[in-house]
Amino acid sequence: DTETCITIPNGLKTVFFLAYINVSHNQLKGEIPQGTQITGLPESSFEGNAGLCGFPLQEKDEEEEQVLSWKAVAIGYGLGVLLGLAIAQVIVSYKPEWLVKFIGPAKCRNR
C-alpha cells in the first residue's frame, strides 16, 4: 500500500471554463489554490483530504477538539476509579485483617 500525497496544481485557479470539480477522497495535501473557480466550489468537493487547508474549507473547530480531550479525561477518570475499586476489592478479600486495622475491630464485629 503506497501512500502518495498530491497537491492541487496552481494552474487550476486560472481555468475559467470549469463548472464543477470534485477532488474528494484523493489524499490531497497543501493549500487550496485561491482563484475564481476553485474558491467557489462547495466544501464537500474537498472532503476526505485531511492534508488540505485554506478557503473554502473551514478551520478545525477548537471547541470540538476540547470536547474530545474532555471525553478522554472522563474515560481515563472512570477507568481509574474502576481499577482502584477492583484493587481495593482484591485487597479486602485476601487480607481482611487490613480492613480490621483500618476500620477498627468494633465496627467489623457488628456486621
PDB file of N, CA and C in Angstrom:
ATOM      1  N   ASP A   1       0.849  -1.174   0.000  1.00  0.00           N
ATOM      2  CA  ASP A   1       0.000   0.000   0.000  1.00  0.00           C
ATOM      3  C   ASP A   1       0.896   1.239   0.000  1.00  0.00           C
ATOM      4  N   THR A   2       1.054   1.838  -1.142  1.00  0.00           N
ATOM      5  CA  THR A   2       1.875   3.038  -1.230  1.00  0.00           C
ATOM      6  C   THR A   2       1.019   4.240  -0.900  1.00  0.00           C
ATOM      7  N   GLU A   3       1.583   5.117  -0.125  1.00  0.00           N
ATOM      8  CA  GLU A   3       0.847   6.294   0.311  1.00  0.00           C
ATOM      9  C   GLU A   3       1.449   7.515  -0.359  1.00  0.00           C
ATOM     10  N   THR A   4       0.805   8.013  -1.396  1.00  0.00           N
ATOM     11  CA  THR A   4       1.282   9.199  -2.087  1.00  0.00           C
ATOM     12  C   THR A   4       0.317  10.342  -1.834  1.00  0.00           C
ATOM     13  N   CYS A   5       0.866  11.506  -1.635  1.00  0.00           N
ATOM     14  CA  CYS A   5       0.055  12.693  -1.429  1.00  0.00           C
ATOM     15  C   CYS A   5       0.330  13.661  -2.566  1.00  0.00           C
ATOM     16  N   ILE A   6      -0.727  14.189  -3.125  1.00  0.00           N
ATOM     17  CA  ILE A   6      -0.627  15.069  -4.278  1.00  0.00           C
ATOM     18  C   ILE A   6      -1.209  16.422  -3.902  1.00  0.00           C
ATOM     19  N   THR A   7      -0.618  17.487  -4.427  1.00  0.00           N
ATOM     20  CA  THR A   7      -1.162  18.820  -4.195  1.00  0.00           C
ATOM     21  C   THR A   7      -2.028  19.233  -5.380  1.00  0.00           C
ATOM     22  N   ILE A   8      -2.942  20.149  -5.125  1.00  0.00           N
ATOM     23  CA  ILE A   8      -3.777  20.683  -6.203  1.00  0.00           C
ATOM     24  C   ILE A   8      -2.925  21.684  -6.979  1.00  0.00           C
ATOM     25  N   PRO A   9      -2.787  21.524  -8.284  1.00  0.00           N
ATOM     26  CA  PRO A   9      -1.931  22.433  -9.058  1.00  0.00           C
ATOM     27  C   PRO A   9      -2.462  23.867  -9.058  1.00  0.00           C
ATOM     28  N   ASN A  10      -1.546  24.830  -8.973  1.00  0.00           N
ATOM     29  CA  ASN A  10      -1.928  26.242  -9.001  1.00  0.00           C
ATOM     30  C   ASN A  10      -2.556  26.630 -10.332  1.00  0.00           C
ATOM     31  N   GLY A  11      -2.277  25.882 -11.391  1.00  0.00           N
ATOM     32  CA  GLY A  11      -2.838  26.184 -12.701  1.00  0.00           C
ATOM     33  C   GLY A  11      -4.353  26.103 -12.736  1.00  0.00           C
ATOM     34  N   LEU A  12      -4.942  25.371 -11.813  1.00  0.00           N
ATOM     35  CA  LEU A  12      -6.405  25.259 -11.787  1.00  0.00           C
ATOM     36  C   LEU A  12      -7.095  26.580 -11.461  1.00  0.00           C
ATOM     37  N   LYS A  13      -6.385  27.487 -10.803  1.00  0.00           N
ATOM     38  CA  LYS A  13      -7.034  28.748 -10.444  1.00  0.00           C
ATOM     39  C   LYS A  13      -7.268  29.648 -11.653  1.00  0.00           C
ATOM     40  N   THR A  14      -6.591  29.366 -12.753  1.00  0.00           N
ATOM     41  CA  THR A  14      -6.776  30.197 -13.948  1.00  0.00           C
ATOM     42  C   THR A  14      -7.743  29.578 -14.951  1.00  0.00           C
ATOM     43  N   VAL A  15      -8.286  28.415 -14.623  1.00  0.00           N
ATOM     44  CA  VAL A  15      -9.234  27.756 -15.521  1.00  0.00           C
ATOM     45  C   VAL A  15     -10.611  28.372 -15.286  1.00  0.00           C
ATOM     46  N   PHE A  16     -11.122  29.103 -16.278  1.00  0.00           N
ATOM     47  CA  PHE A  16     -12.383  29.820 -16.105  1.00  0.00           C
ATOM     48  C   PHE A  16     -13.581  29.054 -16.656  1.00  0.00           C
ATOM     49  N   PHE A  17     -13.350  28.031 -17.447  1.00  0.00           N
ATOM     50  CA  PHE A  17     -14.460  27.285 -18.043  1.00  0.00           C
ATOM     51  C   PHE A  17     -14.893  26.108 -17.184  1.00  0.00           C
ATOM     52  N   LEU A  18     -14.272  25.927 -16.039  1.00  0.00           N
ATOM     53  CA  LEU A  18     -14.558  24.803 -15.154  1.00  0.00           C
ATOM     54  C   LEU A  18     -15.864  25.061 -14.402  1.00  0.00           C
ATOM     55  N   ALA A  19     -16.861  24.217 -14.638  1.00  0.00           N
ATOM     56  CA  ALA A  19     -18.149  24.390 -13.966  1.00  0.00           C
ATOM     57  C   ALA A  19     -18.166  23.694 -12.608  1.00  0.00           C
ATOM     58  N   TYR A  20     -17.567  22.513 -12.528  1.00  0.00           N
ATOM     59  CA  TYR A  20     -17.606  21.751 -11.280  1.00  0.00           C
ATOM     60  C   TYR A  20     -16.453  20.759 -11.278  1.00  0.00           C
ATOM     61  N   ILE A  21     -15.829  20.597 -10.125  1.00  0.00           N
ATOM     62  CA  ILE A  21     -14.782  19.585  -9.951  1.00  0.00           C
ATOM     63  C   ILE A  21     -14.918  19.035  -8.538  1.00  0.00           C
ATOM     64  N   ASN A  22     -14.756  17.743  -8.411  1.00  0.00           N
ATOM     65  CA  ASN A  22     -14.834  17.089  -7.110  1.00  0.00           C
ATOM     66  C   ASN A  22     -13.543  16.310  -6.918  1.00  0.00           C
ATOM     67  N   VAL A  23     -12.736  16.735  -5.956  1.00  0.00           N
ATOM     68  CA  VAL A  23     -11.461  16.074  -5.679  1.00  0.00           C
ATOM     69  C   VAL A  23     -11.483  15.385  -4.312  1.00  0.00           C
ATOM     70  N   SER A  24     -12.677  15.058  -3.828  1.00  0.00           N
ATOM     71  CA  SER A  24     -12.791  14.447  -2.503  1.00  0.00           C
ATOM     72  C   SER A  24     -12.176  13.050  -2.490  1.00  0.00           C
ATOM     73  N   HIS A  25     -11.624  12.690  -1.326  1.00  0.00           N
ATOM     74  CA  HIS A  25     -11.047  11.365  -1.061  1.00  0.00           C
ATOM     75  C   HIS A  25      -9.934  11.007  -2.046  1.00  0.00           C
ATOM     76  N   ASN A  26      -8.995  11.930  -2.265  1.00  0.00           N
ATOM     77  CA  ASN A  26      -7.880  11.689  -3.175  1.00  0.00           C
ATOM     78  C   ASN A  26      -6.523  11.876  -2.511  1.00  0.00           C
ATOM     79  N   GLN A  27      -6.460  11.903  -1.184  1.00  0.00           N
ATOM     80  CA  GLN A  27      -5.217  12.049  -0.430  1.00  0.00           C
ATOM     81  C   GLN A  27      -4.445  13.293  -0.855  1.00  0.00           C
ATOM     82  N   LEU A  28      -5.160  14.382  -1.076  1.00  0.00           N
ATOM     83  CA  LEU A  28      -4.524  15.635  -1.450  1.00  0.00           C
ATOM     84  C   LEU A  28      -4.015  16.341  -0.209  1.00  0.00           C
ATOM     85  N   LYS A  29      -2.990  17.163  -0.383  1.00  0.00           N
ATOM     86  CA  LYS A  29      -2.437  17.914   0.740  1.00  0.00           C
ATOM     87  C   LYS A  29      -2.075  19.312   0.270  1.00  0.00           C
ATOM     88  N   GLY A  30      -1.827  20.183   1.219  1.00  0.00           N
ATOM     89  CA  GLY A  30      -1.419  21.543   0.910  1.00  0.00           C
ATOM     90  C   GLY A  30      -2.594  22.506   0.899  1.00  0.00           C
ATOM     91  N   GLU A  31      -2.286  23.742   0.519  1.00  0.00           N
ATOM     92  CA  GLU A  31      -3.310  24.781   0.500  1.00  0.00           C
ATOM     93  C   GLU A  31      -4.059  24.759  -0.823  1.00  0.00           C
ATOM     94  N   ILE A  32      -5.353  24.977  -0.747  1.00  0.00           N
ATOM     95  CA  ILE A  32      -6.190  25.030  -1.941  1.00  0.00           C
ATOM     96  C   ILE A  32      -5.860  26.323  -2.682  1.00  0.00           C
ATOM     97  N   PRO A  33      -5.527  26.248  -3.975  1.00  0.00           N
ATOM     98  CA  PRO A  33      -5.201  27.466  -4.732  1.00  0.00           C
ATOM     99  C   PRO A  33      -6.372  28.446  -4.721  1.00  0.00           C
ATOM    100  N   GLN A  34      -6.071  29.695  -4.461  1.00  0.00           N
ATOM    101  CA  GLN A  34      -7.113  30.715  -4.396  1.00  0.00           C
ATOM    102  C   GLN A  34      -7.327  31.307  -5.782  1.00  0.00           C
ATOM    103  N   GLY A  35      -8.504  31.135  -6.321  1.00  0.00           N
ATOM    104  CA  GLY A  35      -8.832  31.649  -7.640  1.00  0.00           C
ATOM    105  C   GLY A  35     -10.333  31.676  -7.825  1.00  0.00           C
ATOM    106  N   THR A  36     -10.771  32.175  -8.916  1.00  0.00           N
ATOM    107  CA  THR A  36     -12.200  32.384  -9.125  1.00  0.00           C
ATOM    108  C   THR A  36     -12.992  31.090  -9.124  1.00  0.00           C
ATOM    109  N   GLN A  37     -12.533  30.077  -9.796  1.00  0.00           N
ATOM    110  CA  GLN A  37     -13.308  28.843  -9.923  1.00  0.00           C
ATOM    111  C   GLN A  37     -13.162  27.935  -8.696  1.00  0.00           C
ATOM    112  N   ILE A  38     -11.963  27.771  -8.213  1.00  0.00           N
ATOM    113  CA  ILE A  38     -11.696  26.839  -7.110  1.00  0.00           C
ATOM    114  C   ILE A  38     -12.389  27.283  -5.825  1.00  0.00           C
ATOM    115  N   THR A  39     -12.290  28.553  -5.485  1.00  0.00           N
ATOM    116  CA  THR A  39     -12.857  29.011  -4.211  1.00  0.00           C
ATOM    117  C   THR A  39     -14.377  29.043  -4.225  1.00  0.00           C
ATOM    118  N   GLY A  40     -14.984  28.937  -5.392  1.00  0.00           N
ATOM    119  CA  GLY A  40     -16.438  28.914  -5.468  1.00  0.00           C
ATOM    120  C   GLY A  40     -17.035  27.534  -5.294  1.00  0.00           C
ATOM    121  N   LEU A  41     -16.195  26.520  -5.191  1.00  0.00           N
ATOM    122  CA  LEU A  41     -16.686  25.149  -5.045  1.00  0.00           C
ATOM    123  C   LEU A  41     -17.170  24.901  -3.623  1.00  0.00           C
ATOM    124  N   PRO A  42     -18.137  24.006  -3.445  1.00  0.00           N
ATOM    125  CA  PRO A  42     -18.595  23.689  -2.086  1.00  0.00           C
ATOM    126  C   PRO A  42     -17.528  22.910  -1.318  1.00  0.00           C
ATOM    127  N   GLU A  43     -17.604  22.993  -0.015  1.00  0.00           N
ATOM    128  CA  GLU A  43     -16.638  22.307   0.848  1.00  0.00           C
ATOM    129  C   GLU A  43     -16.662  20.800   0.623  1.00  0.00           C
ATOM    130  N   SER A  44     -17.806  20.258   0.254  1.00  0.00           N
ATOM    131  CA  SER A  44     -17.922  18.813   0.032  1.00  0.00           C
ATOM    132  C   SER A  44     -17.051  18.336  -1.129  1.00  0.00           C
ATOM    133  N   SER A  45     -16.649  19.231  -2.015  1.00  0.00           N
ATOM    134  CA  SER A  45     -15.785  18.854  -3.138  1.00  0.00           C
ATOM    135  C   SER A  45     -14.379  18.496  -2.680  1.00  0.00           C
ATOM    136  N   PHE A  46     -14.024  18.858  -1.447  1.00  0.00           N
ATOM    137  CA  PHE A  46     -12.672  18.638  -0.942  1.00  0.00           C
ATOM    138  C   PHE A  46     -12.623  17.670   0.237  1.00  0.00           C
ATOM    139  N   GLU A  47     -13.759  17.118   0.674  1.00  0.00           N
ATOM    140  CA  GLU A  47     -13.778  16.287   1.882  1.00  0.00           C
ATOM    141  C   GLU A  47     -12.976  15.004   1.685  1.00  0.00           C
ATOM    142  N   GLY A  48     -12.503  14.466   2.789  1.00  0.00           N
ATOM    143  CA  GLY A  48     -11.728  13.234   2.742  1.00  0.00           C
ATOM    144  C   GLY A  48     -10.266  13.448   2.416  1.00  0.00           C
ATOM    145  N   ASN A  49      -9.818  14.689   2.414  1.00  0.00           N
ATOM    146  CA  ASN A  49      -8.415  15.029   2.180  1.00  0.00           C
ATOM    147  C   ASN A  49      -7.909  15.756   3.420  1.00  0.00           C
ATOM    148  N   ALA A  50      -7.461  14.995   4.410  1.00  0.00           N
ATOM    149  CA  ALA A  50      -7.082  15.570   5.700  1.00  0.00           C
ATOM    150  C   ALA A  50      -5.939  16.567   5.579  1.00  0.00           C
ATOM    151  N   GLY A  51      -5.123  16.451   4.544  1.00  0.00           N
ATOM    152  CA  GLY A  51      -3.975  17.338   4.391  1.00  0.00           C
ATOM    153  C   GLY A  51      -4.278  18.658   3.720  1.00  0.00           C
ATOM    154  N   LEU A  52      -5.511  18.867   3.269  1.00  0.00           N
ATOM    155  CA  LEU A  52      -5.856  20.122   2.599  1.00  0.00           C
ATOM    156  C   LEU A  52      -6.208  21.206   3.604  1.00  0.00           C
ATOM    157  N   CYS A  53      -5.916  22.454   3.235  1.00  0.00           N
ATOM    158  CA  CYS A  53      -6.281  23.584   4.083  1.00  0.00           C
ATOM    159  C   CYS A  53      -6.562  24.793   3.204  1.00  0.00           C
ATOM    160  N   GLY A  54      -7.135  25.810   3.794  1.00  0.00           N
ATOM    161  CA  GLY A  54      -7.435  27.040   3.076  1.00  0.00           C
ATOM    162  C   GLY A  54      -8.894  27.121   2.674  1.00  0.00           C
ATOM    163  N   PHE A  55      -9.281  28.310   2.205  1.00  0.00           N
ATOM    164  CA  PHE A  55     -10.661  28.541   1.782  1.00  0.00           C
ATOM    165  C   PHE A  55     -10.964  27.674   0.575  1.00  0.00           C
ATOM    166  N   PRO A  56     -12.094  27.033   0.467  1.00  0.00           N
ATOM    167  CA  PRO A  56     -13.350  27.180   1.203  1.00  0.00           C
ATOM    168  C   PRO A  56     -13.502  26.256   2.401  1.00  0.00           C
ATOM    169  N   LEU A  57     -12.443  25.562   2.815  1.00  0.00           N
ATOM    170  CA  LEU A  57     -12.552  24.666   3.969  1.00  0.00           C
ATOM    171  C   LEU A  57     -12.604  25.479   5.252  1.00  0.00           C
ATOM    172  N   GLN A  58     -13.403  25.016   6.188  1.00  0.00           N
ATOM    173  CA  GLN A  58     -13.478  25.667   7.484  1.00  0.00           C
ATOM    174  C   GLN A  58     -12.293  25.220   8.313  1.00  0.00           C
ATOM    175  N   GLU A  59     -11.864  26.111   9.204  1.00  0.00           N
ATOM    176  CA  GLU A  59     -10.788  25.737  10.112  1.00  0.00           C
ATOM    177  C   GLU A  59     -11.326  24.733  11.115  1.00  0.00           C
ATOM    178  N   LYS A  60     -10.421  23.912  11.646  1.00  0.00           N
ATOM    179  CA  LYS A  60     -10.846  22.933  12.645  1.00  0.00           C
ATOM    180  C   LYS A  60     -11.423  23.663  13.847  1.00  0.00           C
ATOM    181  N   ASP A  61     -12.526  23.168  14.300  1.00  0.00           N
ATOM    182  CA  ASP A  61     -13.228  23.780  15.409  1.00  0.00           C
ATOM    183  C   ASP A  61     -12.513  23.446  16.713  1.00  0.00           C
ATOM    184  N   GLU A  62     -11.987  24.488  17.385  1.00  0.00           N
ATOM    185  CA  GLU A  62     -11.268  24.265  18.636  1.00  0.00           C
ATOM    186  C   GLU A  62     -12.190  23.706  19.710  1.00  0.00           C
ATOM    187  N   GLU A  63     -13.451  24.118  19.681  1.00  0.00           N
ATOM    188  CA  GLU A  63     -14.399  23.628  20.680  1.00  0.00           C
ATOM    189  C   GLU A  63     -14.588  22.123  20.539  1.00  0.00           C
ATOM    190  N   GLU A  64     -14.626  21.630  19.309  1.00  0.00           N
ATOM    191  CA  GLU A  64     -14.776  20.196  19.075  1.00  0.00           C
ATOM    192  C   GLU A  64     -13.556  19.442  19.603  1.00  0.00           C
ATOM    193  N   GLU A  65     -12.358  20.016  19.415  1.00  0.00           N
ATOM    194  CA  GLU A  65     -11.146  19.385  19.925  1.00  0.00           C
ATOM    195  C   GLU A  65     -11.152  19.350  21.445  1.00  0.00           C
ATOM    196  N   GLN A  66     -11.666  20.422  22.082  1.00  0.00           N
ATOM    197  CA  GLN A  66     -11.737  20.453  23.535  1.00  0.00           C
ATOM    198  C   GLN A  66     -12.708  19.406  24.054  1.00  0.00           C
ATOM    199  N   VAL A  67     -13.812  19.198  23.361  1.00  0.00           N
ATOM    200  CA  VAL A  67     -14.780  18.179  23.767  1.00  0.00           C
ATOM    201  C   VAL A  67     -14.132  16.812  23.715  1.00  0.00           C
ATOM    202  N   LEU A  68     -13.347  16.562  22.664  1.00  0.00           N
ATOM    203  CA  LEU A  68     -12.666  15.275  22.559  1.00  0.00           C
ATOM    204  C   LEU A  68     -11.671  15.089  23.691  1.00  0.00           C
ATOM    205  N   SER A  69     -10.944  16.136  24.065  1.00  0.00           N
ATOM    206  CA  SER A  69      -9.982  15.986  25.148  1.00  0.00           C
ATOM    207  C   SER A  69     -10.695  15.772  26.482  1.00  0.00           C
ATOM    208  N   TRP A  70     -11.853  16.405  26.685  1.00  0.00           N
ATOM    209  CA  TRP A  70     -12.607  16.175  27.914  1.00  0.00           C
ATOM    210  C   TRP A  70     -13.168  14.767  27.959  1.00  0.00           C
ATOM    211  N   LYS A  71     -13.540  14.232  26.808  1.00  0.00           N
ATOM    212  CA  LYS A  71     -14.002  12.846  26.765  1.00  0.00           C
ATOM    213  C   LYS A  71     -12.879  11.911  27.189  1.00  0.00           C
ATOM    214  N   ALA A  72     -11.672  12.176  26.730  1.00  0.00           N
ATOM    215  CA  ALA A  72     -10.527  11.349  27.105  1.00  0.00           C
ATOM    216  C   ALA A  72     -10.277  11.430  28.610  1.00  0.00           C
ATOM    217  N   VAL A  73     -10.396  12.624  29.176  1.00  0.00           N
ATOM    218  CA  VAL A  73     -10.211  12.794  30.621  1.00  0.00           C
ATOM    219  C   VAL A  73     -11.280  12.018  31.383  1.00  0.00           C
ATOM    220  N   ALA A  74     -12.524  12.119  30.941  1.00  0.00           N
ATOM    221  CA  ALA A  74     -13.622  11.426  31.623  1.00  0.00           C
ATOM    222  C   ALA A  74     -13.454   9.912  31.546  1.00  0.00           C
ATOM    223  N   ILE A  75     -13.063   9.414  30.389  1.00  0.00           N
ATOM    224  CA  ILE A  75     -12.843   7.972  30.237  1.00  0.00           C
ATOM    225  C   ILE A  75     -11.691   7.521  31.128  1.00  0.00           C
ATOM    226  N   GLY A  76     -10.604   8.276  31.138  1.00  0.00           N
ATOM    227  CA  GLY A  76      -9.462   7.934  31.987  1.00  0.00           C
ATOM    228  C   GLY A  76      -9.815   7.959  33.463  1.00  0.00           C
ATOM    229  N   TYR A  77     -10.579   8.965  33.864  1.00  0.00           N
ATOM    230  CA  TYR A  77     -11.003   9.064  35.261  1.00  0.00           C
ATOM    231  C   TYR A  77     -11.879   7.879  35.640  1.00  0.00           C
ATOM    232  N   GLY A  78     -12.839   7.565  34.794  1.00  0.00           N
ATOM    233  CA  GLY A  78     -13.741   6.439  35.065  1.00  0.00           C
ATOM    234  C   GLY A  78     -12.998   5.123  35.167  1.00  0.00           C
ATOM    235  N   LEU A  79     -12.079   4.894  34.234  1.00  0.00           N
ATOM    236  CA  LEU A  79     -11.296   3.656  34.280  1.00  0.00           C
ATOM    237  C   LEU A  79     -10.403   3.609  35.515  1.00  0.00           C
ATOM    238  N   GLY A  80      -9.857   4.753  35.911  1.00  0.00           N
ATOM    239  CA  GLY A  80      -9.026   4.809  37.115  1.00  0.00           C
ATOM    240  C   GLY A  80      -9.812   4.469  38.369  1.00  0.00           C
ATOM    241  N   VAL A  81     -11.025   5.003  38.464  1.00  0.00           N
ATOM    242  CA  VAL A  81     -11.882   4.703  39.621  1.00  0.00           C
ATOM    243  C   VAL A  81     -12.234   3.221  39.649  1.00  0.00           C
ATOM    244  N   LEU A  82     -12.619   2.673  38.510  1.00  0.00           N
ATOM    245  CA  LEU A  82     -12.957   1.242  38.454  1.00  0.00           C
ATOM    246  C   LEU A  82     -11.761   0.366  38.820  1.00  0.00           C
ATOM    247  N   LEU A  83     -10.593   0.716  38.308  1.00  0.00           N
ATOM    248  CA  LEU A  83      -9.390  -0.054  38.635  1.00  0.00           C
ATOM    249  C   LEU A  83      -9.083   0.041  40.127  1.00  0.00           C
ATOM    250  N   GLY A  84      -9.226   1.238  40.688  1.00  0.00           N
ATOM    251  CA  GLY A  84      -8.996   1.412  42.122  1.00  0.00           C
ATOM    252  C   GLY A  84      -9.958   0.591  42.964  1.00  0.00           C
ATOM    253  N   LEU A  85     -11.227   0.580  42.573  1.00  0.00           N
ATOM    254  CA  LEU A  85     -12.209  -0.227  43.304  1.00  0.00           C
ATOM    255  C   LEU A  85     -11.916  -1.720  43.181  1.00  0.00           C
ATOM    256  N   ALA A  86     -11.490  -2.156  42.010  1.00  0.00           N
ATOM    257  CA  ALA A  86     -11.157  -3.572  41.816  1.00  0.00           C
ATOM    258  C   ALA A  86      -9.963  -3.967  42.674  1.00  0.00           C
ATOM    259  N   ILE A  87      -8.948  -3.117  42.727  1.00  0.00           N
ATOM    260  CA  ILE A  87      -7.771  -3.407  43.558  1.00  0.00           C
ATOM    261  C   ILE A  87      -8.167  -3.434  45.031  1.00  0.00           C
ATOM    262  N   ALA A  88      -9.007  -2.495  45.451  1.00  0.00           N
ATOM    263  CA  ALA A  88      -9.465  -2.476  46.843  1.00  0.00           C
ATOM    264  C   ALA A  88     -10.237  -3.746  47.177  1.00  0.00           C
ATOM    265  N   GLN A  89     -11.082  -4.207  46.269  1.00  0.00           N
ATOM    266  CA  GLN A  89     -11.849  -5.441  46.488  1.00  0.00           C
ATOM    267  C   GLN A  89     -10.919  -6.638  46.650  1.00  0.00           C
ATOM    268  N   VAL A  90      -9.897  -6.713  45.820  1.00  0.00           N
ATOM    269  CA  VAL A  90      -8.948  -7.828  45.901  1.00  0.00           C
ATOM    270  C   VAL A  90      -8.198  -7.785  47.229  1.00  0.00           C
ATOM    271  N   ILE A  91      -7.750  -6.614  47.637  1.00  0.00           N
ATOM    272  CA  ILE A  91      -7.002  -6.487  48.893  1.00  0.00           C
ATOM    273  C   ILE A  91      -7.884  -6.870  50.078  1.00  0.00           C
ATOM    274  N   VAL A  92      -9.108  -6.379  50.102  1.00  0.00           N
ATOM    275  CA  VAL A  92     -10.011  -6.660  51.223  1.00  0.00           C
ATOM    276  C   VAL A  92     -10.377  -8.139  51.265  1.00  0.00           C
ATOM    277  N   SER A  93     -10.568  -8.760  50.120  1.00  0.00           N
ATOM    278  CA  SER A  93     -10.975 -10.164  50.122  1.00  0.00           C
ATOM    279  C   SER A  93      -9.826 -11.098  50.491  1.00  0.00           C
ATOM    280  N   TYR A  94      -8.594 -10.735  50.186  1.00  0.00           N
ATOM    281  CA  TYR A  94      -7.463 -11.609  50.508  1.00  0.00           C
ATOM    282  C   TYR A  94      -6.813 -11.273  51.845  1.00  0.00           C
ATOM    283  N   LYS A  95      -6.929 -10.041  52.284  1.00  0.00           N
ATOM    284  CA  LYS A  95      -6.313  -9.633  53.546  1.00  0.00           C
ATOM    285  C   LYS A  95      -7.335  -8.902  54.416  1.00  0.00           C
ATOM    286  N   PRO A  96      -8.334  -9.615  54.968  1.00  0.00           N
ATOM    287  CA  PRO A  96      -9.366  -8.928  55.764  1.00  0.00           C
ATOM    288  C   PRO A  96      -8.808  -8.284  57.032  1.00  0.00           C
ATOM    289  N   GLU A  97      -7.663  -8.754  57.514  1.00  0.00           N
ATOM    290  CA  GLU A  97      -7.096  -8.142  58.723  1.00  0.00           C
ATOM    291  C   GLU A  97      -6.666  -6.696  58.464  1.00  0.00           C
ATOM    292  N   TRP A  98      -6.327  -6.352  57.226  1.00  0.00           N
ATOM    293  CA  TRP A  98      -6.013  -4.961  56.880  1.00  0.00           C
ATOM    294  C   TRP A  98      -7.258  -4.094  57.034  1.00  0.00           C
ATOM    295  N   LEU A  99      -8.401  -4.640  56.649  1.00  0.00           N
ATOM    296  CA  LEU A  99      -9.656  -3.907  56.790  1.00  0.00           C
ATOM    297  C   LEU A  99      -9.965  -3.682  58.269  1.00  0.00           C
ATOM    298  N   VAL A 100      -9.728  -4.701  59.087  1.00  0.00           N
ATOM    299  CA  VAL A 100      -9.986  -4.583  60.527  1.00  0.00           C
ATOM    300  C   VAL A 100      -9.075  -3.523  61.130  1.00  0.00           C
ATOM    301  N   LYS A 101      -7.811  -3.499  60.733  1.00  0.00           N
ATOM    302  CA  LYS A 101      -6.880  -2.496  61.254  1.00  0.00           C
ATOM    303  C   LYS A 101      -7.279  -1.090  60.809  1.00  0.00           C
ATOM    304  N   PHE A 102      -7.777  -0.978  59.587  1.00  0.00           N
ATOM    305  CA  PHE A 102      -8.119   0.330  59.033  1.00  0.00           C
ATOM    306  C   PHE A 102      -9.417   0.880  59.632  1.00  0.00           C
ATOM    307  N   ILE A 103     -10.451   0.041  59.687  1.00  0.00           N
ATOM    308  CA  ILE A 103     -11.758   0.491  60.168  1.00  0.00           C
ATOM    309  C   ILE A 103     -11.844   0.391  61.687  1.00  0.00           C
ATOM    310  N   GLY A 104     -11.311  -0.657  62.232  1.00  0.00           N
ATOM    311  CA  GLY A 104     -11.387  -0.867  63.671  1.00  0.00           C
ATOM    312  C   GLY A 104     -12.140  -2.143  63.972  1.00  0.00           C
ATOM    313  N   PRO A 105     -11.730  -2.885  65.000  1.00  0.00           N
ATOM    314  CA  PRO A 105     -12.351  -4.175  65.289  1.00  0.00           C
ATOM    315  C   PRO A 105     -13.816  -4.065  65.717  1.00  0.00           C
ATOM    316  N   ALA A 106     -14.209  -3.001  66.377  1.00  0.00           N
ATOM    317  CA  ALA A 106     -15.586  -2.885  66.869  1.00  0.00           C
ATOM    318  C   ALA A 106     -16.579  -2.745  65.718  1.00  0.00           C
ATOM    319  N   LYS A 107     -16.235  -2.003  64.696  1.00  0.00           N
ATOM    320  CA  LYS A 107     -17.145  -1.792  63.576  1.00  0.00           C
ATOM    321  C   LYS A 107     -17.283  -3.049  62.727  1.00  0.00           C
ATOM    322  N   CYS A 108     -16.257  -3.860  62.641  1.00  0.00           N
ATOM    323  CA  CYS A 108     -16.311  -5.064  61.811  1.00  0.00           C
ATOM    324  C   CYS A 108     -17.110  -6.176  62.476  1.00  0.00           C
ATOM    325  N   ARG A 109     -17.166  -6.232  63.848  1.00  0.00           N
ATOM    326  CA  ARG A 109     -17.886  -7.290  64.544  1.00  0.00           C
ATOM    327  C   ARG A 109     -19.394  -7.129  64.424  1.00  0.00           C
ATOM    328  N   ASN A 110     -19.873  -5.910  64.292  1.00  0.00           N
ATOM    329  CA  ASN A 110     -21.313  -5.661  64.219  1.00  0.00           C
ATOM    330  C   ASN A 110     -21.914  -6.177  62.924  1.00  0.00           C
ATOM    331  N   ARG A 111     -21.157  -6.455  61.953  1.00  0.00           N
ATOM    332  CA  ARG A 111     -21.692  -6.884  60.656  1.00  0.00           C
ATOM    333  C   ARG A 111     -21.758  -8.345  60.554  1.00  0.00           C
TER     334      ARG A 111
END
